[in-house]
């Protein structure tokens, strides 16, 4: 192939990727809003609109993280195998990224595994994985993801009748969200605490 043609092909490829990346950035922003407000059905709907090749770029790992947590929670609530398969795919991708950069991806990968263990009913493995994700996020300075792990761990505890333990985790989540400056999340987790006495499952 002509050298000039090769160069033009590569430039066109990069340009098309940047166009797709720009579009995915808008989707990512929308997914983030729905994710942190726990509107998980909207998260997976948005993720399904992205081309498969676009979802496989390492720079867009956060899309898989949002999608994975959302899908596994939906699978646990609805028992729909579609959501389970989506969550497993996200967990596999994050696990692969962990081998590339343990610092950046370990806590995320472990948190997805914790949610999968919970969906499988393996409470002992889930408990250990939540703790490991919290530890990793703390050590790697991802305070917002440490808060998320505490939140999910607290919900896990409450839904499995470990009320006192769940209270401690949710209070830790509130503290970390405050440090992150996410006051809307503080209010949301405080609201979860108020739901404890009125529902068997609070992850709704």
N, C-alpha and C. Protein backbone atom coordinates (compact mmCIF):
# COMPACT_ATOMS: atom_id res chain seq x y z
N UNK A 1 0.85 -1.20 0.00
CA UNK A 1 0.00 0.00 0.00
C UNK A 1 0.88 1.25 0.00
N UNK A 2 0.49 2.26 -0.74
CA UNK A 2 1.21 3.53 -0.80
C UNK A 2 1.33 4.13 0.60
N UNK A 3 2.57 4.67 0.92
CA UNK A 3 2.82 5.23 2.26
C UNK A 3 1.85 6.36 2.59
N UNK A 4 1.64 7.24 1.63
CA UNK A 4 0.73 8.37 1.86
C UNK A 4 -0.68 7.88 2.15
N UNK A 5 -1.08 6.81 1.44
CA UNK A 5 -2.41 6.26 1.67
C UNK A 5 -2.51 5.65 3.07
N UNK A 6 -1.43 5.00 3.51
CA UNK A 6 -1.40 4.41 4.86
C UNK A 6 -1.57 5.50 5.92
N UNK A 7 -0.82 6.60 5.71
CA UNK A 7 -0.89 7.70 6.67
C UNK A 7 -2.30 8.27 6.72
N UNK A 8 -2.89 8.48 5.54
CA UNK A 8 -4.25 9.01 5.49
C UNK A 8 -5.25 8.06 6.17
N UNK A 9 -5.04 6.76 5.97
CA UNK A 9 -5.94 5.78 6.59
C UNK A 9 -5.86 5.86 8.10
N UNK A 10 -4.62 5.94 8.63
CA UNK A 10 -4.46 6.03 10.08
C UNK A 10 -5.05 7.33 10.63
N UNK A 11 -4.84 8.43 9.92
CA UNK A 11 -5.39 9.71 10.37
C UNK A 11 -6.91 9.67 10.38
N UNK A 12 -7.49 9.07 9.33
CA UNK A 12 -8.95 8.95 9.27
C UNK A 12 -9.46 8.09 10.41
N UNK A 13 -8.73 7.00 10.69
CA UNK A 13 -9.12 6.11 11.79
C UNK A 13 -9.11 6.86 13.11
N UNK A 14 -8.04 7.65 13.35
CA UNK A 14 -7.97 8.42 14.59
C UNK A 14 -9.08 9.46 14.65
N UNK A 15 -9.36 10.10 13.51
CA UNK A 15 -10.41 11.11 13.49
C UNK A 15 -11.77 10.50 13.83
N UNK A 16 -12.06 9.35 13.21
CA UNK A 16 -13.34 8.69 13.48
C UNK A 16 -13.43 8.28 14.94
N UNK A 17 -12.31 7.83 15.51
CA UNK A 17 -12.33 7.45 16.92
C UNK A 17 -12.62 8.66 17.80
N UNK A 18 -12.00 9.82 17.46
CA UNK A 18 -12.23 11.02 18.26
C UNK A 18 -13.69 11.46 18.19
N UNK A 19 -14.29 11.30 17.00
CA UNK A 19 -15.71 11.63 16.86
C UNK A 19 -16.54 10.73 17.76
N UNK A 20 -16.24 9.43 17.73
CA UNK A 20 -16.97 8.48 18.57
C UNK A 20 -16.72 8.76 20.05
N UNK A 21 -15.46 9.11 20.38
CA UNK A 21 -15.13 9.40 21.78
C UNK A 21 -15.88 10.61 22.29
N UNK A 22 -16.04 11.63 21.42
CA UNK A 22 -16.79 12.82 21.80
C UNK A 22 -18.24 12.45 22.10
N UNK A 23 -18.82 11.61 21.26
CA UNK A 23 -20.20 11.19 21.47
C UNK A 23 -20.33 10.37 22.75
N UNK A 24 -19.34 9.51 22.99
CA UNK A 24 -19.40 8.67 24.19
C UNK A 24 -19.21 9.50 25.45
N UNK A 25 -18.45 10.60 25.34
CA UNK A 25 -18.26 11.47 26.50
C UNK A 25 -19.59 12.07 26.95
N UNK A 26 -20.42 12.43 25.98
CA UNK A 26 -21.76 12.94 26.31
C UNK A 26 -22.59 11.85 26.99
N UNK A 27 -22.51 10.64 26.43
CA UNK A 27 -23.24 9.51 27.02
C UNK A 27 -22.72 9.21 28.41
N UNK A 28 -21.40 9.27 28.57
CA UNK A 28 -20.79 9.01 29.87
C UNK A 28 -21.30 9.99 30.92
N UNK A 29 -21.40 11.25 30.53
CA UNK A 29 -21.91 12.24 31.46
C UNK A 29 -23.33 11.93 31.90
N UNK A 30 -24.15 11.53 30.95
CA UNK A 30 -25.53 11.16 31.27
C UNK A 30 -25.57 9.91 32.15
N UNK A 31 -24.72 8.93 31.81
CA UNK A 31 -24.67 7.71 32.62
C UNK A 31 -24.24 8.01 34.04
N UNK A 32 -23.27 8.92 34.18
CA UNK A 32 -22.78 9.26 35.51
C UNK A 32 -23.87 9.86 36.38
N UNK A 33 -24.65 10.75 35.79
CA UNK A 33 -25.75 11.37 36.55
C UNK A 33 -26.73 10.31 37.03
N UNK A 34 -27.11 9.40 36.13
CA UNK A 34 -28.07 8.35 36.50
C UNK A 34 -27.44 7.34 37.47
N UNK A 35 -26.15 7.06 37.27
CA UNK A 35 -25.50 6.08 38.14
C UNK A 35 -25.46 6.55 39.58
N UNK A 36 -24.99 7.76 39.79
CA UNK A 36 -24.84 8.24 41.17
C UNK A 36 -26.18 8.55 41.82
N UNK A 37 -27.23 8.71 41.01
CA UNK A 37 -28.58 8.86 41.58
C UNK A 37 -29.31 7.52 41.65
N UNK A 38 -28.61 6.44 41.30
CA UNK A 38 -29.10 5.07 41.43
C UNK A 38 -30.25 4.74 40.48
N UNK A 39 -30.30 5.43 39.37
CA UNK A 39 -31.30 5.14 38.34
C UNK A 39 -30.67 4.14 37.37
N UNK A 40 -30.56 2.90 37.81
CA UNK A 40 -29.75 1.92 37.10
C UNK A 40 -30.35 1.47 35.77
N UNK A 41 -31.65 1.51 35.65
CA UNK A 41 -32.25 1.13 34.37
C UNK A 41 -31.83 2.11 33.28
N UNK A 42 -31.78 3.38 33.60
CA UNK A 42 -31.34 4.37 32.62
C UNK A 42 -29.86 4.18 32.28
N UNK A 43 -29.07 3.77 33.25
CA UNK A 43 -27.64 3.54 33.01
C UNK A 43 -27.46 2.46 31.94
N UNK A 44 -28.14 1.33 32.12
CA UNK A 44 -27.96 0.24 31.15
C UNK A 44 -28.57 0.58 29.80
N UNK A 45 -29.66 1.33 29.79
CA UNK A 45 -30.25 1.74 28.52
C UNK A 45 -29.28 2.61 27.72
N UNK A 46 -28.62 3.54 28.41
CA UNK A 46 -27.65 4.41 27.75
C UNK A 46 -26.45 3.60 27.25
N UNK A 47 -26.00 2.65 28.06
CA UNK A 47 -24.84 1.85 27.68
C UNK A 47 -25.13 1.00 26.45
N UNK A 48 -26.36 0.57 26.31
CA UNK A 48 -26.73 -0.27 25.17
C UNK A 48 -26.74 0.52 23.86
N UNK A 49 -26.77 1.84 23.94
CA UNK A 49 -26.77 2.66 22.73
C UNK A 49 -25.38 2.83 22.14
N UNK A 50 -24.35 2.45 22.89
CA UNK A 50 -22.98 2.62 22.42
C UNK A 50 -22.57 1.44 21.54
N UNK A 51 -21.86 1.71 20.43
CA UNK A 51 -21.37 0.61 19.58
C UNK A 51 -20.45 -0.31 20.37
N UNK A 52 -20.51 -1.61 20.17
CA UNK A 52 -19.67 -2.55 20.91
C UNK A 52 -18.18 -2.23 20.83
N UNK A 53 -17.69 -1.84 19.66
CA UNK A 53 -16.27 -1.53 19.52
C UNK A 53 -15.87 -0.34 20.37
N UNK A 54 -16.80 0.59 20.53
CA UNK A 54 -16.54 1.78 21.32
C UNK A 54 -16.40 1.41 22.79
N UNK A 55 -17.19 0.46 23.22
CA UNK A 55 -17.18 0.07 24.63
C UNK A 55 -15.92 -0.70 25.00
N UNK A 56 -15.09 -1.10 24.03
CA UNK A 56 -13.94 -1.92 24.32
C UNK A 56 -12.64 -1.13 24.47
N UNK A 57 -12.70 0.17 24.42
CA UNK A 57 -11.49 0.97 24.56
C UNK A 57 -11.19 1.20 26.04
N UNK A 58 -9.91 1.01 26.42
CA UNK A 58 -9.53 1.09 27.84
C UNK A 58 -9.84 2.46 28.44
N UNK A 59 -9.79 3.52 27.60
CA UNK A 59 -10.06 4.86 28.10
C UNK A 59 -11.50 4.99 28.59
N UNK A 60 -12.36 4.09 28.17
CA UNK A 60 -13.77 4.19 28.53
C UNK A 60 -14.16 3.15 29.58
N UNK A 61 -13.18 2.80 30.43
CA UNK A 61 -13.43 1.79 31.47
C UNK A 61 -14.59 2.19 32.37
N UNK A 62 -14.77 3.49 32.59
CA UNK A 62 -15.81 3.93 33.53
C UNK A 62 -17.20 3.55 33.02
N UNK A 63 -17.36 3.47 31.69
CA UNK A 63 -18.63 3.03 31.13
C UNK A 63 -18.93 1.60 31.57
N UNK A 64 -17.90 0.76 31.53
CA UNK A 64 -18.08 -0.62 31.96
C UNK A 64 -18.36 -0.70 33.45
N UNK A 65 -17.70 0.14 34.22
CA UNK A 65 -17.90 0.14 35.67
C UNK A 65 -19.34 0.52 36.01
N UNK A 66 -19.81 1.62 35.42
CA UNK A 66 -21.19 2.04 35.65
C UNK A 66 -22.17 0.95 35.19
N UNK A 67 -21.93 0.47 33.96
CA UNK A 67 -22.82 -0.54 33.39
C UNK A 67 -22.83 -1.81 34.23
N UNK A 68 -21.66 -2.24 34.68
CA UNK A 68 -21.56 -3.48 35.44
C UNK A 68 -22.28 -3.43 36.76
N UNK A 69 -22.04 -2.37 37.54
CA UNK A 69 -22.72 -2.24 38.83
C UNK A 69 -24.23 -2.17 38.62
N UNK A 70 -24.65 -1.36 37.65
CA UNK A 70 -26.08 -1.21 37.38
C UNK A 70 -26.72 -2.53 36.97
N UNK A 71 -26.07 -3.24 36.04
CA UNK A 71 -26.65 -4.47 35.51
C UNK A 71 -26.74 -5.56 36.58
N UNK A 72 -25.71 -5.68 37.41
CA UNK A 72 -25.73 -6.72 38.44
C UNK A 72 -26.81 -6.44 39.48
N UNK A 73 -26.97 -5.18 39.84
CA UNK A 73 -28.04 -4.82 40.78
C UNK A 73 -29.41 -5.14 40.18
N UNK A 74 -29.58 -4.84 38.90
CA UNK A 74 -30.85 -5.17 38.23
C UNK A 74 -31.05 -6.68 38.15
N UNK A 75 -29.97 -7.41 37.91
CA UNK A 75 -30.07 -8.88 37.85
C UNK A 75 -30.52 -9.44 39.19
N UNK A 76 -29.99 -8.86 40.26
CA UNK A 76 -30.36 -9.34 41.60
C UNK A 76 -31.82 -9.06 41.91
N UNK A 77 -32.30 -7.94 41.42
CA UNK A 77 -33.68 -7.55 41.70
C UNK A 77 -34.69 -8.26 40.80
N UNK A 78 -34.33 -8.46 39.54
CA UNK A 78 -35.30 -8.96 38.55
C UNK A 78 -35.08 -10.42 38.16
N UNK A 79 -33.88 -10.94 38.43
CA UNK A 79 -33.50 -12.31 38.02
C UNK A 79 -33.51 -12.47 36.50
N UNK A 80 -33.34 -11.37 35.79
CA UNK A 80 -33.29 -11.40 34.33
C UNK A 80 -31.87 -11.77 33.89
N UNK A 81 -31.69 -12.89 33.17
CA UNK A 81 -30.34 -13.31 32.76
C UNK A 81 -29.63 -12.30 31.86
N UNK A 82 -30.40 -11.44 31.19
CA UNK A 82 -29.79 -10.42 30.34
C UNK A 82 -28.90 -9.51 31.15
N UNK A 83 -29.38 -9.08 32.29
CA UNK A 83 -28.60 -8.17 33.14
C UNK A 83 -27.40 -8.90 33.74
N UNK A 84 -27.60 -10.15 34.08
CA UNK A 84 -26.50 -10.94 34.63
C UNK A 84 -25.36 -11.06 33.61
N UNK A 85 -25.70 -11.36 32.37
CA UNK A 85 -24.69 -11.50 31.32
C UNK A 85 -23.95 -10.17 31.10
N UNK A 86 -24.68 -9.07 31.13
CA UNK A 86 -24.07 -7.75 30.96
C UNK A 86 -23.11 -7.46 32.11
N UNK A 87 -23.52 -7.80 33.32
CA UNK A 87 -22.66 -7.58 34.49
C UNK A 87 -21.41 -8.43 34.45
N UNK A 88 -21.55 -9.67 34.02
CA UNK A 88 -20.39 -10.56 33.93
C UNK A 88 -19.39 -10.07 32.89
N UNK A 89 -19.89 -9.56 31.76
CA UNK A 89 -19.00 -9.03 30.72
C UNK A 89 -18.21 -7.84 31.25
N UNK A 90 -18.89 -6.96 31.97
CA UNK A 90 -18.22 -5.80 32.55
C UNK A 90 -17.17 -6.23 33.57
N UNK A 91 -17.50 -7.21 34.40
CA UNK A 91 -16.57 -7.70 35.41
C UNK A 91 -15.33 -8.31 34.76
N UNK A 92 -15.52 -9.04 33.66
CA UNK A 92 -14.39 -9.64 32.94
C UNK A 92 -13.47 -8.57 32.37
N UNK A 93 -14.06 -7.54 31.79
CA UNK A 93 -13.27 -6.46 31.19
C UNK A 93 -12.48 -5.70 32.26
N UNK A 94 -13.11 -5.40 33.40
CA UNK A 94 -12.40 -4.70 34.47
C UNK A 94 -11.30 -5.58 35.06
N UNK A 95 -11.52 -6.89 35.10
CA UNK A 95 -10.49 -7.80 35.59
C UNK A 95 -9.28 -7.78 34.67
N UNK A 96 -9.51 -7.71 33.38
CA UNK A 96 -8.41 -7.63 32.42
C UNK A 96 -7.65 -6.31 32.58
N UNK A 97 -8.38 -5.23 32.79
CA UNK A 97 -7.74 -3.94 32.97
C UNK A 97 -6.93 -3.90 34.26
N UNK A 98 -7.37 -4.63 35.27
CA UNK A 98 -6.63 -4.69 36.54
C UNK A 98 -5.23 -5.23 36.32
N UNK A 99 -5.08 -6.17 35.40
CA UNK A 99 -3.76 -6.74 35.12
C UNK A 99 -2.86 -5.72 34.43
N UNK A 100 -3.47 -4.70 33.81
CA UNK A 100 -2.70 -3.64 33.15
C UNK A 100 -2.29 -2.57 34.15
N UNK A 101 -3.23 -2.18 35.02
CA UNK A 101 -2.96 -1.16 36.03
C UNK A 101 -3.72 -1.51 37.31
N UNK A 102 -3.04 -2.20 38.20
CA UNK A 102 -3.67 -2.60 39.45
C UNK A 102 -4.12 -1.39 40.26
N UNK A 103 -3.32 -0.34 40.24
CA UNK A 103 -3.62 0.87 41.02
C UNK A 103 -4.97 1.47 40.61
N UNK A 104 -5.21 1.56 39.32
CA UNK A 104 -6.41 2.22 38.83
C UNK A 104 -7.66 1.35 38.85
N UNK A 105 -7.48 0.04 38.69
CA UNK A 105 -8.65 -0.80 38.44
C UNK A 105 -8.94 -1.87 39.49
N UNK A 106 -8.05 -2.07 40.44
CA UNK A 106 -8.25 -3.15 41.41
C UNK A 106 -9.55 -2.99 42.19
N UNK A 107 -9.76 -1.82 42.78
CA UNK A 107 -10.94 -1.63 43.62
C UNK A 107 -12.24 -1.77 42.83
N UNK A 108 -12.22 -1.31 41.59
CA UNK A 108 -13.41 -1.38 40.74
C UNK A 108 -13.72 -2.84 40.38
N UNK A 109 -12.68 -3.57 40.01
CA UNK A 109 -12.85 -4.98 39.66
C UNK A 109 -13.37 -5.79 40.85
N UNK A 110 -12.80 -5.55 42.01
CA UNK A 110 -13.21 -6.29 43.20
C UNK A 110 -14.64 -5.96 43.59
N UNK A 111 -15.04 -4.70 43.43
CA UNK A 111 -16.41 -4.31 43.78
C UNK A 111 -17.41 -5.01 42.87
N UNK A 112 -17.10 -5.12 41.59
CA UNK A 112 -17.97 -5.86 40.68
C UNK A 112 -18.05 -7.33 41.09
N UNK A 113 -16.93 -7.90 41.50
CA UNK A 113 -16.94 -9.29 41.96
C UNK A 113 -17.79 -9.44 43.22
N UNK A 114 -17.72 -8.46 44.11
CA UNK A 114 -18.55 -8.50 45.33
C UNK A 114 -20.03 -8.54 44.98
N UNK A 115 -20.41 -7.70 44.02
CA UNK A 115 -21.81 -7.66 43.60
C UNK A 115 -22.23 -8.97 42.93
N UNK A 116 -21.31 -9.56 42.16
CA UNK A 116 -21.62 -10.86 41.53
C UNK A 116 -21.78 -11.96 42.59
N UNK A 117 -20.89 -11.96 43.58
CA UNK A 117 -21.00 -12.95 44.67
C UNK A 117 -22.34 -12.79 45.39
N UNK A 118 -22.74 -11.55 45.61
CA UNK A 118 -24.02 -11.29 46.28
C UNK A 118 -25.16 -11.81 45.41
N UNK A 119 -25.10 -11.54 44.12
CA UNK A 119 -26.15 -12.03 43.21
C UNK A 119 -26.22 -13.56 43.19
N UNK A 120 -25.07 -14.20 43.41
CA UNK A 120 -25.01 -15.67 43.43
C UNK A 120 -25.44 -16.25 44.77
N UNK A 121 -25.62 -15.37 45.77
CA UNK A 121 -25.98 -15.84 47.10
C UNK A 121 -24.80 -16.31 47.91
N UNK A 122 -23.59 -16.05 47.44
CA UNK A 122 -22.38 -16.43 48.19
C UNK A 122 -22.01 -15.26 49.10
N UNK A 123 -22.65 -15.22 50.25
CA UNK A 123 -22.55 -14.05 51.12
C UNK A 123 -21.17 -13.91 51.75
N UNK A 124 -20.53 -15.03 52.02
CA UNK A 124 -19.20 -14.96 52.64
C UNK A 124 -18.17 -14.35 51.70
N UNK A 125 -18.17 -14.81 50.44
CA UNK A 125 -17.26 -14.24 49.46
C UNK A 125 -17.60 -12.78 49.17
N UNK A 126 -18.89 -12.48 49.12
CA UNK A 126 -19.31 -11.10 48.89
C UNK A 126 -18.81 -10.19 49.99
N UNK A 127 -18.98 -10.62 51.23
CA UNK A 127 -18.54 -9.82 52.38
C UNK A 127 -17.05 -9.52 52.29
N UNK A 128 -16.25 -10.54 52.00
CA UNK A 128 -14.80 -10.35 51.89
C UNK A 128 -14.44 -9.42 50.75
N UNK A 129 -15.15 -9.54 49.63
CA UNK A 129 -14.85 -8.71 48.46
C UNK A 129 -15.20 -7.25 48.70
N UNK A 130 -16.33 -6.98 49.36
CA UNK A 130 -16.66 -5.59 49.68
C UNK A 130 -15.56 -4.96 50.52
N UNK A 131 -15.10 -5.69 51.53
CA UNK A 131 -14.04 -5.17 52.40
C UNK A 131 -12.76 -4.91 51.62
N UNK A 132 -12.44 -5.84 50.72
CA UNK A 132 -11.22 -5.69 49.92
C UNK A 132 -11.31 -4.49 48.97
N UNK A 133 -12.49 -4.25 48.41
CA UNK A 133 -12.68 -3.11 47.53
C UNK A 133 -12.53 -1.80 48.29
N UNK A 134 -13.12 -1.75 49.48
CA UNK A 134 -13.00 -0.55 50.32
C UNK A 134 -11.53 -0.28 50.63
N UNK A 135 -10.80 -1.31 51.02
CA UNK A 135 -9.39 -1.19 51.36
C UNK A 135 -8.58 -0.70 50.17
N UNK A 136 -8.83 -1.29 48.99
CA UNK A 136 -8.11 -0.90 47.79
C UNK A 136 -8.40 0.55 47.40
N UNK A 137 -9.67 0.93 47.42
CA UNK A 137 -10.04 2.31 47.07
C UNK A 137 -9.40 3.30 48.02
N UNK A 138 -9.35 2.95 49.31
CA UNK A 138 -8.74 3.83 50.30
C UNK A 138 -7.24 3.98 50.04
N UNK A 139 -6.57 2.86 49.83
CA UNK A 139 -5.12 2.88 49.62
C UNK A 139 -4.74 3.59 48.33
N UNK A 140 -5.61 3.53 47.32
CA UNK A 140 -5.32 4.13 46.03
C UNK A 140 -5.93 5.51 45.86
N UNK A 141 -6.51 6.03 46.95
CA UNK A 141 -6.97 7.43 47.00
C UNK A 141 -8.19 7.71 46.13
N UNK A 142 -9.03 6.71 45.88
CA UNK A 142 -10.28 6.93 45.15
C UNK A 142 -11.41 7.09 46.16
N UNK A 143 -11.50 8.29 46.75
CA UNK A 143 -12.42 8.45 47.88
C UNK A 143 -13.87 8.29 47.46
N UNK A 144 -14.22 8.70 46.22
CA UNK A 144 -15.61 8.56 45.77
C UNK A 144 -15.98 7.09 45.59
N UNK A 145 -15.01 6.29 45.15
CA UNK A 145 -15.29 4.86 44.98
C UNK A 145 -15.20 4.11 46.30
N UNK A 146 -14.44 4.64 47.24
CA UNK A 146 -14.47 4.11 48.60
C UNK A 146 -15.85 4.34 49.20
N UNK A 147 -16.39 5.54 48.97
CA UNK A 147 -17.74 5.84 49.46
C UNK A 147 -18.77 4.91 48.83
N UNK A 148 -18.65 4.69 47.53
CA UNK A 148 -19.58 3.80 46.84
C UNK A 148 -19.49 2.38 47.40
N UNK A 149 -18.28 1.90 47.63
CA UNK A 149 -18.11 0.54 48.16
C UNK A 149 -18.72 0.43 49.55
N UNK A 150 -18.53 1.45 50.38
CA UNK A 150 -19.17 1.45 51.71
C UNK A 150 -20.69 1.42 51.57
N UNK A 151 -21.20 2.21 50.62
CA UNK A 151 -22.65 2.27 50.41
C UNK A 151 -23.21 0.90 50.00
N UNK A 152 -22.57 0.27 49.01
CA UNK A 152 -23.04 -1.02 48.55
C UNK A 152 -22.88 -2.10 49.62
N UNK A 153 -21.80 -2.01 50.38
CA UNK A 153 -21.58 -2.96 51.47
C UNK A 153 -22.64 -2.78 52.56
N UNK A 154 -22.96 -1.53 52.85
CA UNK A 154 -23.99 -1.27 53.86
C UNK A 154 -25.34 -1.82 53.43
N UNK A 155 -25.67 -1.64 52.17
CA UNK A 155 -26.93 -2.17 51.63
C UNK A 155 -26.94 -3.69 51.70
N UNK A 156 -25.82 -4.30 51.32
CA UNK A 156 -25.66 -5.75 51.42
C UNK A 156 -25.93 -6.22 52.85
N UNK A 157 -25.36 -5.53 53.81
CA UNK A 157 -25.53 -5.92 55.22
C UNK A 157 -26.99 -5.80 55.65
N UNK A 158 -27.61 -4.68 55.31
CA UNK A 158 -29.01 -4.47 55.69
C UNK A 158 -29.91 -5.53 55.08
N UNK A 159 -29.68 -5.83 53.81
CA UNK A 159 -30.56 -6.79 53.13
C UNK A 159 -30.34 -8.21 53.62
N UNK A 160 -29.27 -8.41 54.37
CA UNK A 160 -29.01 -9.74 54.94
C UNK A 160 -29.08 -9.72 56.46
N UNK A 161 -29.90 -8.78 56.97
CA UNK A 161 -30.26 -8.72 58.39
C UNK A 161 -29.09 -8.41 59.31
N UNK A 162 -28.03 -7.79 58.78
CA UNK A 162 -26.91 -7.36 59.61
C UNK A 162 -27.05 -5.85 59.82
N UNK A 163 -28.06 -5.49 60.60
CA UNK A 163 -28.48 -4.09 60.68
C UNK A 163 -27.40 -3.20 61.28
N UNK A 164 -26.84 -3.59 62.42
CA UNK A 164 -25.82 -2.76 63.07
C UNK A 164 -24.59 -2.59 62.18
N UNK A 165 -24.20 -3.68 61.54
CA UNK A 165 -23.05 -3.63 60.64
C UNK A 165 -23.35 -2.75 59.43
N UNK A 166 -24.57 -2.86 58.91
CA UNK A 166 -24.96 -2.04 57.78
C UNK A 166 -24.97 -0.56 58.12
N UNK A 167 -25.43 -0.25 59.33
CA UNK A 167 -25.45 1.14 59.78
C UNK A 167 -24.04 1.73 59.76
N UNK A 168 -23.08 0.97 60.25
CA UNK A 168 -21.70 1.45 60.29
C UNK A 168 -21.18 1.74 58.88
N UNK A 169 -21.50 0.85 57.95
CA UNK A 169 -21.00 1.04 56.58
C UNK A 169 -21.63 2.27 55.92
N UNK A 170 -22.92 2.46 56.12
CA UNK A 170 -23.58 3.60 55.51
C UNK A 170 -23.13 4.93 56.13
N UNK A 171 -22.85 4.89 57.42
CA UNK A 171 -22.30 6.10 58.05
C UNK A 171 -20.91 6.42 57.51
N UNK A 172 -20.13 5.37 57.25
CA UNK A 172 -18.81 5.59 56.63
C UNK A 172 -18.98 6.13 55.21
N UNK A 173 -19.98 5.63 54.49
CA UNK A 173 -20.25 6.14 53.14
C UNK A 173 -20.59 7.63 53.19
N UNK A 174 -21.43 8.01 54.14
CA UNK A 174 -21.79 9.42 54.29
C UNK A 174 -20.56 10.27 54.54
N UNK A 175 -19.68 9.78 55.43
CA UNK A 175 -18.45 10.52 55.73
C UNK A 175 -17.58 10.70 54.49
N UNK A 176 -17.42 9.63 53.71
CA UNK A 176 -16.58 9.72 52.52
C UNK A 176 -17.23 10.60 51.44
N UNK A 177 -18.54 10.52 51.30
CA UNK A 177 -19.21 11.40 50.33
C UNK A 177 -19.07 12.87 50.74
N UNK A 178 -19.09 13.13 52.04
CA UNK A 178 -18.88 14.50 52.51
C UNK A 178 -17.48 14.97 52.14
N UNK A 179 -16.49 14.09 52.35
CA UNK A 179 -15.11 14.46 52.00
C UNK A 179 -14.96 14.71 50.51
N UNK A 180 -15.72 13.98 49.72
CA UNK A 180 -15.70 14.15 48.26
C UNK A 180 -16.43 15.41 47.84
N UNK A 181 -17.30 15.92 48.72
CA UNK A 181 -18.09 17.10 48.40
C UNK A 181 -19.40 16.80 47.72
N UNK A 182 -19.82 15.52 47.76
CA UNK A 182 -21.05 15.10 47.08
C UNK A 182 -22.22 15.14 48.06
N UNK A 183 -22.73 16.34 48.30
CA UNK A 183 -23.76 16.49 49.32
C UNK A 183 -25.09 15.86 48.91
N UNK A 184 -25.35 15.78 47.61
CA UNK A 184 -26.56 15.09 47.16
C UNK A 184 -26.52 13.61 47.55
N UNK A 185 -25.32 13.02 47.44
CA UNK A 185 -25.18 11.62 47.85
C UNK A 185 -25.31 11.47 49.36
N UNK A 186 -24.84 12.44 50.09
CA UNK A 186 -25.00 12.41 51.55
C UNK A 186 -26.49 12.35 51.90
N UNK A 187 -27.27 13.21 51.27
CA UNK A 187 -28.71 13.25 51.53
C UNK A 187 -29.35 11.93 51.11
N UNK A 188 -28.91 11.38 49.99
CA UNK A 188 -29.49 10.14 49.49
C UNK A 188 -29.22 8.96 50.44
N UNK A 189 -27.98 8.86 50.92
CA UNK A 189 -27.65 7.76 51.83
C UNK A 189 -28.36 7.94 53.17
N UNK A 190 -28.50 9.17 53.61
CA UNK A 190 -29.25 9.42 54.83
C UNK A 190 -30.70 8.97 54.67
N UNK A 191 -31.24 9.17 53.47
CA UNK A 191 -32.60 8.72 53.18
C UNK A 191 -32.69 7.20 53.23
N UNK A 192 -31.64 6.51 52.74
CA UNK A 192 -31.61 5.05 52.83
C UNK A 192 -31.69 4.58 54.28
N UNK A 193 -31.01 5.29 55.14
CA UNK A 193 -31.05 4.93 56.56
C UNK A 193 -32.47 5.02 57.11
N UNK A 194 -33.22 6.00 56.62
CA UNK A 194 -34.59 6.18 57.09
C UNK A 194 -35.52 5.07 56.57
N UNK A 195 -35.11 4.42 55.46
CA UNK A 195 -35.94 3.37 54.87
C UNK A 195 -35.78 2.03 55.58
N UNK A 196 -34.76 1.91 56.37
CA UNK A 196 -34.43 0.60 56.95
C UNK A 196 -35.58 -0.01 57.74
N UNK A 197 -36.26 0.81 58.52
CA UNK A 197 -37.33 0.30 59.37
C UNK A 197 -38.63 0.02 58.62
N UNK A 198 -38.67 0.43 57.33
CA UNK A 198 -39.94 0.31 56.61
C UNK A 198 -39.89 -0.66 55.44
N UNK A 199 -38.73 -1.29 55.18
CA UNK A 199 -38.64 -2.20 54.03
C UNK A 199 -37.61 -3.27 54.27
N UNK A 200 -37.85 -4.46 53.71
CA UNK A 200 -36.89 -5.54 53.82
C UNK A 200 -35.70 -5.33 52.90
N UNK A 201 -35.97 -4.74 51.72
CA UNK A 201 -34.91 -4.43 50.78
C UNK A 201 -34.91 -2.94 50.53
N UNK A 202 -33.71 -2.34 50.66
CA UNK A 202 -33.65 -0.90 50.48
C UNK A 202 -32.98 -0.53 49.17
N UNK A 203 -32.51 -1.53 48.40
CA UNK A 203 -31.85 -1.20 47.14
C UNK A 203 -32.90 -1.15 46.04
N UNK A 204 -33.64 -0.03 46.03
CA UNK A 204 -34.70 0.12 45.06
C UNK A 204 -34.48 1.40 44.25
